[in-house]
Protein backbone atom coordinates (compact mmCIF):
# COMPACT_ATOMS: atom_id res chain seq x y z
CA MET A 1 8.98 13.49 -11.31
CA PHE A 2 8.58 17.35 -12.23
CA ASN A 3 8.48 20.17 -10.18
CA SER A 4 5.43 21.54 -11.34
CA LEU A 5 2.20 20.47 -13.86
CA LYS A 6 3.56 23.02 -16.43
CA ALA A 7 6.17 20.74 -17.09
CA LEU A 8 4.14 18.44 -18.42
CA HIS A 9 3.24 20.54 -21.39
CA PRO A 10 4.17 19.62 -24.54
CA ASP A 11 5.78 22.71 -25.48
CA SER A 12 7.84 22.41 -22.12
CA THR A 13 11.67 22.01 -21.95
CA GLU A 14 11.66 21.56 -18.32
CA GLU A 15 13.57 18.56 -17.41
CA PRO A 16 12.34 15.77 -14.88
CA ILE A 17 14.08 16.22 -11.29
CA LEU A 18 13.48 12.52 -10.36
CA THR A 19 13.39 9.55 -13.05
CA ILE A 20 13.07 5.69 -12.15
CA THR A 21 13.64 3.36 -15.71
CA ILE A 22 13.28 0.03 -15.41
CA PRO A 23 13.58 -1.83 -18.34
CA PRO A 24 10.32 -3.77 -19.54
CA SER A 25 9.96 -7.27 -19.01
CA THR A 26 7.67 -10.19 -19.87
CA ARG A 27 5.56 -11.91 -17.38
CA PRO A 28 5.69 -15.17 -16.53
CA THR A 29 2.32 -16.84 -16.83
CA THR A 30 2.26 -18.55 -14.02
CA LEU A 31 2.47 -16.12 -11.96
CA THR A 32 -0.18 -12.95 -10.91
CA ASP A 33 2.36 -9.93 -11.12
CA SER A 34 1.45 -6.83 -12.85
CA THR A 35 3.07 -6.86 -16.22
CA HIS A 36 4.11 -3.23 -15.57
CA PRO A 37 7.52 -2.24 -13.92
CA ILE A 38 5.81 0.46 -11.99
CA SER A 39 2.29 0.00 -10.43
CA SER A 40 -0.15 0.40 -7.38
CA LEU A 41 0.93 4.26 -7.31
CA SER A 42 -0.55 6.20 -4.23
CA ALA A 43 0.18 9.14 -2.46
CA GLY A 44 0.45 10.32 1.01
CA ASP A 45 2.11 13.15 3.08
CA ALA A 46 5.36 13.89 1.68
CA HIS A 47 5.68 10.82 0.28
CA PHE A 48 4.56 8.27 -2.49
CA SER A 49 4.47 4.45 -2.71
CA PHE A 50 4.18 1.99 -5.14
CA ILE A 51 5.15 -1.75 -6.31
CA VAL A 52 8.27 -2.34 -8.51
CA THR A 53 8.46 -5.33 -10.51
CA HIS A 54 11.03 -6.84 -12.41
CA PHE A 55 11.73 -10.04 -13.94
CA TRP A 56 15.11 -10.77 -15.19
CA GLU A 57 13.82 -13.80 -17.32
CA PRO A 58 10.31 -14.00 -19.10
CA GLU A 59 10.43 -18.22 -18.22
CA PRO A 60 8.53 -19.14 -15.57
CA GLY A 61 10.29 -20.23 -12.02
CA VAL A 62 13.01 -17.34 -13.08
CA GLU A 63 14.78 -14.57 -10.09
CA TYR A 64 12.28 -11.68 -10.63
CA TYR A 65 12.25 -8.75 -8.36
CA HIS A 66 9.41 -7.31 -6.65
CA ASN A 67 8.69 -4.80 -3.74
CA ILE A 68 7.03 -1.69 -2.77
CA TRP A 69 9.14 1.40 -2.75
CA SER A 70 8.16 5.01 -1.53
CA ILE A 71 9.66 8.40 -2.31
CA ARG A 72 10.14 10.78 0.48
CA THR A 73 9.47 13.94 -1.12
CA ASP A 74 10.69 15.64 2.61
CA SER A 75 13.72 13.25 3.33
CA ARG A 76 13.56 14.33 7.11
CA PHE A 77 13.37 11.65 9.96
CA THR A 78 13.67 8.63 7.69
CA ASP A 79 15.43 6.40 10.37
CA ASP A 80 11.89 4.25 10.30
CA ALA A 81 12.27 0.31 10.97
CA ALA A 82 9.51 -0.54 8.54
CA TRP A 83 11.91 0.76 5.47
CA ILE A 84 15.71 0.64 4.53
CA PRO A 85 17.50 2.96 1.52
CA LEU A 86 17.50 1.90 -1.74
CA GLU A 87 21.20 1.77 -1.37
CA GLU A 88 20.76 -0.91 1.26
CA GLU A 89 18.17 -2.47 -0.57
CA LEU A 90 19.88 -2.83 -3.84
CA SER A 91 23.00 -4.12 -2.56
CA SER A 92 21.67 -7.15 -1.45
CA VAL A 93 19.84 -8.04 -5.03
CA GLU A 94 21.59 -10.42 -7.39
CA ASP A 95 21.29 -7.25 -10.42
CA PRO A 96 20.75 -4.36 -9.52
CA SER A 97 20.89 -2.75 -12.76
CA PHE A 98 18.19 -3.44 -13.44
CA VAL A 99 16.91 0.07 -12.25
CA THR A 100 18.07 3.39 -13.19
CA ILE A 101 17.82 6.84 -10.95
CA LYS A 102 18.30 10.06 -12.39
CA ALA A 103 18.39 12.96 -9.99
CA SER A 104 18.74 16.89 -10.34
CA GLY A 105 17.90 19.89 -8.12
CA LYS A 106 15.63 19.19 -5.72
CA GLY A 107 15.47 15.72 -7.17
CA THR A 108 19.03 14.83 -5.23
CA GLU A 109 16.95 15.87 -1.88
CA MET A 110 14.39 13.27 -2.11
CA ALA A 111 14.81 9.71 0.08
CA ILE A 112 13.77 6.68 -2.23
CA MET A 113 13.00 4.12 0.62
CA CYS A 114 12.21 -0.09 0.04
CA VAL A 115 9.81 -2.11 2.23
CA ASN A 116 12.00 -3.66 5.06
CA THR A 117 10.65 -7.22 5.42
CA GLU A 118 12.24 -10.35 6.67
CA GLU A 119 11.12 -12.94 4.30
CA LEU A 120 10.25 -12.46 0.45
CA VAL A 121 6.56 -11.08 -0.11
CA GLU A 122 4.98 -10.70 -3.31
CA PHE A 123 3.10 -7.54 -3.10
CA VAL A 124 -0.22 -6.81 -5.09
CA ALA A 125 -1.52 -3.75 -4.16
CA CYS A 126 -0.44 -0.77 -1.78
CA GLU A 127 -2.33 1.95 -0.59
CA SER A 128 -0.84 5.23 1.11
CA ALA A 129 -2.11 8.49 3.22
CA GLY A 130 -1.05 10.45 5.73
CA TRP A 131 2.54 8.61 7.10
CA ILE A 132 1.47 4.91 6.17
CA THR A 133 1.78 2.85 3.15
CA ALA A 134 -0.50 -0.59 3.85
CA ALA A 135 -0.48 -3.69 1.41
CA ILE A 136 -2.08 -6.62 0.33
CA SER A 137 0.38 -9.85 -0.26
CA ASP A 138 -0.36 -12.43 -3.19
CA ASP A 139 -1.04 -15.02 -0.04
CA ASN A 140 -4.04 -12.58 1.35
CA ARG A 141 -1.93 -11.20 4.17
CA ALA A 142 -2.35 -7.07 5.47
CA TRP A 143 0.76 -5.49 6.03
CA ILE A 144 1.28 -1.93 7.27
CA PHE A 145 4.41 -0.08 6.89
CA PRO A 146 4.57 3.73 8.78
CA PHE A 147 6.61 6.03 8.95
CA GLY A 148 7.88 7.83 12.66
CA ARG A 149 5.65 10.59 12.43
CA ALA A 150 2.73 7.73 11.99
CA ILE A 151 4.32 5.63 14.87
CA SER A 152 4.55 8.45 17.54
CA THR A 153 0.79 9.70 16.91
CA ILE A 154 -1.29 6.36 16.83
CA PRO A 155 -1.12 4.28 19.53
CA ASP A 156 0.22 0.93 19.23
CA LEU A 157 0.18 0.84 15.41
CA PRO A 158 1.40 -2.30 13.83
CA ILE A 159 4.13 -2.30 12.02
CA GLY A 160 5.23 -5.28 9.21
CA GLU A 161 2.69 -8.11 8.89
CA VAL A 162 -0.99 -8.06 10.36
CA THR A 163 -0.53 -11.52 11.80
CA GLU A 164 -4.65 -11.24 12.97
CA PHE A 165 -5.73 -11.72 9.43
CA LYS A 166 -5.07 -14.23 6.75
CA ASP A 167 -8.14 -13.29 4.38
CA VAL A 168 -7.99 -9.90 3.75
CA ILE A 169 -9.42 -8.80 -0.20
CA LYS A 170 -9.04 -5.08 0.52
CA LEU A 171 -7.86 -2.22 2.75
CA GLY A 172 -7.91 1.51 2.84
CA VAL A 173 -5.87 4.18 4.79
CA GLY A 174 -6.63 7.16 6.09
CA SER A 175 -4.25 9.85 7.72
CA GLN A 176 -4.27 8.31 11.17
CA HIS A 177 -6.54 4.94 10.08
CA ILE A 178 -6.49 1.42 8.44
CA VAL A 179 -9.74 -0.70 7.30
CA ILE A 180 -9.46 -4.07 6.32
CA VAL A 181 -11.82 -6.25 4.50
CA THR A 182 -11.53 -9.68 4.84
CA GLY A 183 -13.40 -12.87 3.12
CA SER A 184 -13.78 -14.94 0.29
CA ASN A 185 -12.66 -13.44 -3.22
CA PRO A 186 -14.89 -13.07 -5.53
CA PRO A 187 -16.85 -12.07 -3.14
CA VAL A 188 -19.76 -13.92 -1.44
CA TYR A 189 -22.42 -12.71 0.33
CA GLY A 190 -22.33 -12.89 3.87
CA CYS A 191 -18.86 -13.43 4.27
CA HIS A 192 -17.04 -10.43 4.33
CA CYS A 193 -15.72 -8.44 7.25
CA ILE A 194 -14.83 -5.29 8.16
CA TRP A 195 -11.94 -4.53 10.52
CA THR A 196 -11.00 -1.05 11.24
CA PHE A 197 -7.81 0.48 13.43
CA GLY A 198 -6.20 3.38 14.40
CA LEU A 199 -7.65 6.93 15.79
CA ASN A 200 -11.52 7.91 16.15
CA ASP A 201 -11.48 11.32 16.96
CA HIS A 202 -13.50 12.32 13.31
CA GLY A 203 -15.85 8.95 13.61
CA GLN A 204 -13.61 7.44 10.67
CA ARG A 205 -13.99 4.29 12.13
CA GLY A 206 -17.28 4.01 12.15
CA PHE A 207 -18.42 4.00 15.77
CA SER A 208 -19.20 6.67 18.36
CA GLN A 209 -19.20 5.00 21.61
CA ASP A 210 -16.45 3.49 23.65
CA GLU A 211 -18.11 -0.04 23.38
CA GLN A 212 -16.15 -1.98 20.86
CA THR A 213 -15.15 -5.72 19.64
CA LEU A 214 -11.36 -5.75 19.94
CA VAL A 215 -8.64 -7.82 18.39
CA LYS A 216 -5.41 -6.72 19.68
CA GLY A 217 -6.58 -3.02 18.96
CA TRP A 218 -8.99 -4.10 15.46
CA ARG A 219 -12.52 -3.08 16.24
CA LYS A 220 -15.01 -5.31 13.82
CA LEU A 221 -17.77 -3.02 12.47
CA ASP A 222 -21.09 -4.89 12.27
CA ILE A 223 -22.90 -4.87 8.71
CA GLY A 224 -25.51 -7.19 8.97
CA LYS A 225 -26.32 -10.63 7.46
CA ASP A 226 -26.40 -11.14 3.28
CA VAL A 227 -24.01 -8.25 2.59
CA ARG A 228 -20.45 -8.19 0.56
CA VAL A 229 -18.15 -5.41 0.34
CA SER A 230 -18.06 -4.34 -3.53
CA ASP A 231 -15.43 -1.09 -2.82
CA LEU A 232 -13.55 0.85 -0.06
CA ALA A 233 -11.98 3.91 0.34
CA CYS A 234 -10.66 6.08 2.93
CA GLY A 235 -9.80 10.02 3.23
CA LYS A 236 -8.54 11.74 5.77
CA TRP A 237 -11.20 11.54 8.45
CA SER A 238 -13.69 9.43 6.76
CA THR A 239 -14.14 5.90 5.58
CA TYR A 240 -16.49 5.31 2.21
CA LEU A 241 -17.90 2.13 1.29
CA ILE A 242 -20.11 0.43 -1.11
CA ILE A 243 -21.86 -2.54 0.68
CA GLU A 244 -24.08 -4.65 -1.58
CA ARG A 245 -27.06 -6.42 0.11
CA LYS A 246 -28.75 -9.97 -0.59
CA LEU A 247 -32.52 -9.53 -2.16
CA THR A 248 -35.01 -12.22 -1.42
CA PHE A 249 -37.96 -11.92 -3.47
CA ASN A 250 -41.47 -13.64 -2.17
CA MET A 251 -42.90 -16.17 -4.84
């Protein structure tokens, strides 16, 4: 991590303010983790999150580390229930020496936080926006890990697993809203449902009236029959979907 983009120029002599080094490891063929030690990078307000993966041995069935980390560029107010400091996380790991952290200047003021879960979870994707990081685990469950600022501004925001949904295939995060797509993967026409949660002051959840179909604060969008969602992205005050519709030809 550098102070500016100028530091990335080949002629620059500027040293990074924060460096995270994880040695490469071989992924067991029986698992679905990314082969990269750091993956699924995304950024929110004053933080960015990613998945850290490390295998101590290349053989199937051995111990490995796999969790979501977040670097807070604004390290104030880091006492959040969904996160624990990196030092506390590594104290519970059998071999914490797999990661090396080097910080200087502003980098020494940045807090590295780790997702706090009561169970071992294998995350396959995570996204951040605003003061929220959300993720999908390998068993198609959705998880939400907000920081305090999101909890204070979004009523009844879930923390941890979203227990209402078990077949999550996509998710998107805006500054103050979350979108989840449930259904089959690979996608099949007519089986996808879109659920939204959070604020809707700019119509970012896709509706304009008070009438809603709610599952503990989640609203289901009506996208019609014989369709499937091929992609999803959330902006600060918007939600974008690519919806494929099944065509019927009369012979």
